[in-house]
Amino acid sequence: MPLKDPTRARAAIQSQIERIAWLRGTGPNPIDYTLWDERTEELLRDIYGDDAAEIERYHDASGTRGRLPGVRGQAENMTLNIHGQWGILGRLERAEGVLKTMAASLA
């Protein structure tokens, strides 16, 4: 799916990147992270389309991997750890790299 306005798409992705610093400053709070993640996926779907490779790259970097050791809840309905490879901080770090690459490709 071709992008209608790459400049606007880049600005939307950049806005999500800028929000990462705020998320890190909140602890990060799992609820705030979940809202940010859902909004990021929504934007990427709007920009690239539902089946785009960019969506897959983002999900590989930060997607939910089911119940992990030390995580409360079941399956996709859980509270994420803060630390560790699949904790919120690790997900944010990987997501930031993927989003920066996407934004740079739209320049």
N, C-alpha and C. Protein backbone atom coordinates (compact mmCIF):
# COMPACT_ATOMS: atom_id res chain seq x y z
N MET A 1 0.84 -1.17 0.00
CA MET A 1 0.00 0.00 0.00
C MET A 1 0.89 1.24 0.00
N PRO A 2 0.80 2.07 -1.02
CA PRO A 2 1.63 3.27 -1.07
C PRO A 2 1.21 4.28 0.00
N LEU A 3 2.19 4.98 0.52
CA LEU A 3 1.92 6.02 1.51
C LEU A 3 1.32 7.23 0.81
N LYS A 4 0.30 7.81 1.41
CA LYS A 4 -0.32 9.00 0.82
C LYS A 4 0.49 10.24 1.12
N ASP A 5 1.02 10.32 2.32
CA ASP A 5 1.78 11.51 2.73
C ASP A 5 2.94 11.08 3.63
N PRO A 6 4.10 10.80 3.03
CA PRO A 6 5.26 10.35 3.82
C PRO A 6 5.68 11.33 4.91
N THR A 7 5.53 12.61 4.68
CA THR A 7 5.92 13.61 5.69
C THR A 7 5.03 13.48 6.93
N ARG A 8 3.75 13.34 6.71
CA ARG A 8 2.82 13.18 7.84
C ARG A 8 3.06 11.84 8.55
N ALA A 9 3.32 10.80 7.79
CA ALA A 9 3.60 9.48 8.37
C ALA A 9 4.86 9.54 9.23
N ARG A 10 5.88 10.20 8.72
CA ARG A 10 7.14 10.34 9.49
C ARG A 10 6.89 11.10 10.79
N ALA A 11 6.09 12.15 10.74
CA ALA A 11 5.78 12.94 11.94
C ALA A 11 5.03 12.10 12.97
N ALA A 12 4.13 11.25 12.52
CA ALA A 12 3.37 10.38 13.43
C ALA A 12 4.29 9.38 14.11
N ILE A 13 5.19 8.77 13.34
CA ILE A 13 6.15 7.82 13.92
C ILE A 13 7.09 8.54 14.87
N GLN A 14 7.56 9.72 14.48
CA GLN A 14 8.47 10.49 15.33
C GLN A 14 7.79 10.85 16.66
N SER A 15 6.51 11.14 16.62
CA SER A 15 5.77 11.45 17.85
C SER A 15 5.77 10.27 18.81
N GLN A 16 5.63 9.06 18.27
CA GLN A 16 5.67 7.86 19.11
C GLN A 16 7.07 7.64 19.67
N ILE A 17 8.10 7.93 18.88
CA ILE A 17 9.48 7.80 19.35
C ILE A 17 9.73 8.78 20.51
N GLU A 18 9.27 10.00 20.36
CA GLU A 18 9.46 11.01 21.40
C GLU A 18 8.76 10.63 22.70
N ARG A 19 7.68 9.90 22.60
CA ARG A 19 6.92 9.49 23.79
C ARG A 19 7.66 8.42 24.60
N ILE A 20 8.62 7.75 24.00
CA ILE A 20 9.38 6.70 24.69
C ILE A 20 10.10 7.26 25.92
N ALA A 21 10.69 8.43 25.81
CA ALA A 21 11.38 9.03 26.96
C ALA A 21 10.41 9.24 28.12
N TRP A 22 9.21 9.70 27.82
CA TRP A 22 8.20 9.89 28.87
C TRP A 22 7.83 8.55 29.50
N LEU A 23 7.66 7.53 28.67
CA LEU A 23 7.33 6.20 29.20
C LEU A 23 8.41 5.70 30.16
N ARG A 24 9.66 5.84 29.74
CA ARG A 24 10.77 5.41 30.61
C ARG A 24 10.73 6.17 31.93
N GLY A 25 10.37 7.44 31.90
CA GLY A 25 10.31 8.26 33.09
C GLY A 25 9.19 7.91 34.04
N THR A 26 8.17 7.21 33.54
CA THR A 26 7.04 6.83 34.41
C THR A 26 7.29 5.53 35.14
N GLY A 27 8.40 4.92 34.89
CA GLY A 27 8.72 3.69 35.62
C GLY A 27 9.20 2.54 34.78
N PRO A 28 8.73 2.22 33.64
CA PRO A 28 7.51 2.66 32.96
C PRO A 28 6.28 1.95 33.53
N ASN A 29 5.18 2.64 33.47
CA ASN A 29 3.91 2.11 33.93
C ASN A 29 3.36 1.15 32.87
N PRO A 30 3.02 -0.09 33.23
CA PRO A 30 2.52 -1.05 32.25
C PRO A 30 1.27 -0.60 31.50
N ILE A 31 0.40 0.13 32.17
CA ILE A 31 -0.82 0.60 31.50
C ILE A 31 -0.47 1.63 30.44
N ASP A 32 0.40 2.58 30.78
CA ASP A 32 0.83 3.59 29.81
C ASP A 32 1.55 2.94 28.64
N TYR A 33 2.40 1.95 28.94
CA TYR A 33 3.11 1.25 27.87
C TYR A 33 2.12 0.56 26.93
N THR A 34 1.13 -0.12 27.49
CA THR A 34 0.15 -0.83 26.67
C THR A 34 -0.60 0.14 25.76
N LEU A 35 -1.00 1.28 26.29
CA LEU A 35 -1.70 2.28 25.47
C LEU A 35 -0.79 2.80 24.36
N TRP A 36 0.47 3.06 24.70
CA TRP A 36 1.44 3.53 23.69
C TRP A 36 1.63 2.47 22.60
N ASP A 37 1.80 1.23 23.01
CA ASP A 37 2.02 0.13 22.06
C ASP A 37 0.82 -0.03 21.13
N GLU A 38 -0.37 0.00 21.68
CA GLU A 38 -1.58 -0.13 20.85
C GLU A 38 -1.70 1.02 19.86
N ARG A 39 -1.39 2.25 20.31
CA ARG A 39 -1.44 3.40 19.41
C ARG A 39 -0.37 3.29 18.33
N THR A 40 0.81 2.81 18.70
CA THR A 40 1.87 2.65 17.71
C THR A 40 1.46 1.66 16.64
N GLU A 41 0.92 0.51 17.04
CA GLU A 41 0.47 -0.47 16.05
C GLU A 41 -0.64 0.09 15.17
N GLU A 42 -1.55 0.84 15.76
CA GLU A 42 -2.63 1.46 14.99
C GLU A 42 -2.07 2.41 13.93
N LEU A 43 -1.11 3.25 14.32
CA LEU A 43 -0.49 4.18 13.37
C LEU A 43 0.23 3.43 12.25
N LEU A 44 0.98 2.41 12.62
CA LEU A 44 1.72 1.66 11.60
C LEU A 44 0.78 0.97 10.62
N ARG A 45 -0.34 0.47 11.10
CA ARG A 45 -1.33 -0.13 10.19
C ARG A 45 -1.92 0.92 9.25
N ASP A 46 -2.20 2.10 9.79
CA ASP A 46 -2.72 3.19 8.96
C ASP A 46 -1.70 3.62 7.90
N ILE A 47 -0.44 3.65 8.29
CA ILE A 47 0.62 4.11 7.38
C ILE A 47 0.97 3.07 6.33
N TYR A 48 1.17 1.82 6.76
CA TYR A 48 1.72 0.79 5.87
C TYR A 48 0.70 -0.24 5.41
N GLY A 49 -0.41 -0.39 6.09
CA GLY A 49 -1.38 -1.43 5.75
C GLY A 49 -1.26 -2.61 6.71
N ASP A 50 -2.33 -3.38 6.82
CA ASP A 50 -2.42 -4.46 7.81
C ASP A 50 -1.36 -5.54 7.67
N ASP A 51 -0.98 -5.89 6.47
CA ASP A 51 -0.08 -7.02 6.25
C ASP A 51 1.34 -6.59 5.88
N ALA A 52 1.70 -5.38 6.21
CA ALA A 52 3.01 -4.85 5.81
C ALA A 52 4.15 -5.47 6.61
N ALA A 53 5.29 -5.55 5.98
CA ALA A 53 6.50 -6.08 6.64
C ALA A 53 6.89 -5.21 7.83
N GLU A 54 6.60 -3.92 7.77
CA GLU A 54 6.93 -3.01 8.87
C GLU A 54 6.18 -3.39 10.15
N ILE A 55 4.94 -3.82 9.99
CA ILE A 55 4.14 -4.26 11.15
C ILE A 55 4.80 -5.49 11.78
N GLU A 56 5.22 -6.40 10.95
CA GLU A 56 5.88 -7.62 11.43
C GLU A 56 7.19 -7.28 12.15
N ARG A 57 7.98 -6.37 11.59
CA ARG A 57 9.24 -5.95 12.22
C ARG A 57 8.98 -5.33 13.59
N TYR A 58 7.95 -4.48 13.67
CA TYR A 58 7.62 -3.86 14.96
C TYR A 58 7.19 -4.93 15.96
N HIS A 59 6.34 -5.84 15.53
CA HIS A 59 5.85 -6.88 16.44
C HIS A 59 6.98 -7.81 16.88
N ASP A 60 7.90 -8.12 15.99
CA ASP A 60 9.06 -8.95 16.37
C ASP A 60 9.89 -8.26 17.45
N ALA A 61 9.96 -6.94 17.39
CA ALA A 61 10.76 -6.18 18.35
C ALA A 61 10.07 -6.02 19.70
N SER A 62 8.76 -5.84 19.68
CA SER A 62 8.09 -5.49 20.94
C SER A 62 6.80 -6.24 21.21
N GLY A 63 6.45 -7.17 20.35
CA GLY A 63 5.18 -7.87 20.50
C GLY A 63 5.11 -8.75 21.73
N THR A 64 3.91 -8.98 22.19
CA THR A 64 3.67 -9.80 23.37
C THR A 64 3.94 -11.26 23.04
N ARG A 65 4.68 -11.93 23.91
CA ARG A 65 5.08 -13.32 23.68
C ARG A 65 4.39 -14.28 24.64
N GLY A 66 3.16 -14.00 25.01
CA GLY A 66 2.47 -14.90 25.93
C GLY A 66 2.96 -14.76 27.35
N ARG A 67 2.62 -15.68 28.19
CA ARG A 67 2.99 -15.59 29.60
C ARG A 67 4.46 -15.94 29.79
N LEU A 68 5.16 -15.08 30.50
CA LEU A 68 6.58 -15.25 30.75
C LEU A 68 6.80 -15.52 32.23
N PRO A 69 7.92 -16.13 32.60
CA PRO A 69 8.20 -16.35 34.02
C PRO A 69 8.18 -15.04 34.80
N GLY A 70 7.53 -15.05 35.94
CA GLY A 70 7.47 -13.87 36.78
C GLY A 70 6.43 -12.85 36.39
N VAL A 71 5.62 -13.16 35.38
CA VAL A 71 4.60 -12.23 34.91
C VAL A 71 3.25 -12.69 35.42
N ARG A 72 2.51 -11.75 36.00
CA ARG A 72 1.17 -12.09 36.46
C ARG A 72 0.21 -12.08 35.29
N GLY A 73 -0.86 -12.87 35.39
CA GLY A 73 -1.88 -12.88 34.36
C GLY A 73 -1.76 -14.07 33.45
N GLN A 74 -2.63 -14.13 32.48
CA GLN A 74 -2.65 -15.25 31.56
C GLN A 74 -2.54 -14.76 30.12
N ALA A 75 -1.81 -15.48 29.33
CA ALA A 75 -1.68 -15.25 27.89
C ALA A 75 -1.44 -13.78 27.58
N GLU A 76 -2.30 -13.17 26.75
CA GLU A 76 -2.11 -11.79 26.32
C GLU A 76 -2.61 -10.78 27.35
N ASN A 77 -3.34 -11.23 28.35
CA ASN A 77 -3.89 -10.34 29.37
C ASN A 77 -2.97 -10.41 30.59
N MET A 78 -1.93 -9.59 30.61
CA MET A 78 -0.93 -9.71 31.66
C MET A 78 -0.34 -8.37 32.04
N THR A 79 0.33 -8.36 33.15
CA THR A 79 1.14 -7.22 33.55
C THR A 79 2.58 -7.55 33.17
N LEU A 80 3.19 -6.71 32.37
CA LEU A 80 4.55 -6.97 31.91
C LEU A 80 5.58 -6.63 32.97
N ASN A 81 6.66 -7.39 32.99
CA ASN A 81 7.81 -7.03 33.82
C ASN A 81 8.41 -5.74 33.28
N ILE A 82 9.17 -5.05 34.09
CA ILE A 82 9.86 -3.84 33.65
C ILE A 82 11.21 -4.21 33.04
N HIS A 83 11.94 -5.11 33.70
CA HIS A 83 13.29 -5.47 33.28
C HIS A 83 13.31 -6.80 32.56
N GLY A 84 14.44 -7.10 31.96
CA GLY A 84 14.61 -8.36 31.25
C GLY A 84 14.38 -8.18 29.76
N GLN A 85 14.74 -9.19 28.99
CA GLN A 85 14.65 -9.13 27.53
C GLN A 85 13.26 -8.76 27.04
N TRP A 86 12.22 -9.35 27.64
CA TRP A 86 10.86 -9.06 27.20
C TRP A 86 10.11 -8.18 28.18
N GLY A 87 10.85 -7.54 29.10
CA GLY A 87 10.25 -6.52 29.96
C GLY A 87 10.00 -5.26 29.16
N ILE A 88 9.30 -4.32 29.77
CA ILE A 88 8.93 -3.10 29.06
C ILE A 88 10.15 -2.32 28.57
N LEU A 89 11.18 -2.20 29.39
CA LEU A 89 12.36 -1.44 28.96
C LEU A 89 13.04 -2.08 27.75
N GLY A 90 13.14 -3.39 27.72
CA GLY A 90 13.72 -4.08 26.57
C GLY A 90 12.87 -3.89 25.33
N ARG A 91 11.58 -3.97 25.49
CA ARG A 91 10.67 -3.78 24.35
C ARG A 91 10.78 -2.36 23.81
N LEU A 92 10.84 -1.38 24.73
CA LEU A 92 10.96 0.01 24.29
C LEU A 92 12.26 0.25 23.53
N GLU A 93 13.34 -0.33 24.01
CA GLU A 93 14.63 -0.16 23.35
C GLU A 93 14.58 -0.70 21.92
N ARG A 94 14.05 -1.91 21.77
CA ARG A 94 13.96 -2.50 20.43
C ARG A 94 12.97 -1.75 19.54
N ALA A 95 11.83 -1.37 20.12
CA ALA A 95 10.82 -0.63 19.35
C ALA A 95 11.39 0.71 18.87
N GLU A 96 12.14 1.37 19.73
CA GLU A 96 12.73 2.66 19.35
C GLU A 96 13.63 2.51 18.12
N GLY A 97 14.45 1.47 18.11
CA GLY A 97 15.32 1.24 16.96
C GLY A 97 14.54 0.99 15.68
N VAL A 98 13.51 0.17 15.77
CA VAL A 98 12.68 -0.13 14.60
C VAL A 98 11.96 1.12 14.11
N LEU A 99 11.38 1.88 15.03
CA LEU A 99 10.65 3.09 14.65
C LEU A 99 11.57 4.15 14.05
N LYS A 100 12.79 4.27 14.58
CA LYS A 100 13.75 5.23 14.01
C LYS A 100 14.12 4.85 12.58
N THR A 101 14.28 3.55 12.33
CA THR A 101 14.58 3.10 10.98
C THR A 101 13.42 3.41 10.03
N MET A 102 12.20 3.18 10.50
CA MET A 102 11.02 3.48 9.68
C MET A 102 10.93 4.98 9.38
N ALA A 103 11.12 5.80 10.41
CA ALA A 103 11.04 7.26 10.23
C ALA A 103 12.12 7.73 9.25
N ALA A 104 13.33 7.20 9.37
CA ALA A 104 14.42 7.59 8.48
C ALA A 104 14.12 7.20 7.02
N SER A 105 13.44 6.08 6.84
CA SER A 105 13.13 5.65 5.46
C SER A 105 12.07 6.53 4.83
N LEU A 106 11.35 7.31 5.62
CA LEU A 106 10.32 8.19 5.09
C LEU A 106 10.85 9.61 4.83
N ALA A 107 12.13 9.84 5.12
CA ALA A 107 12.69 11.19 4.96
C ALA A 107 12.84 11.56 3.49
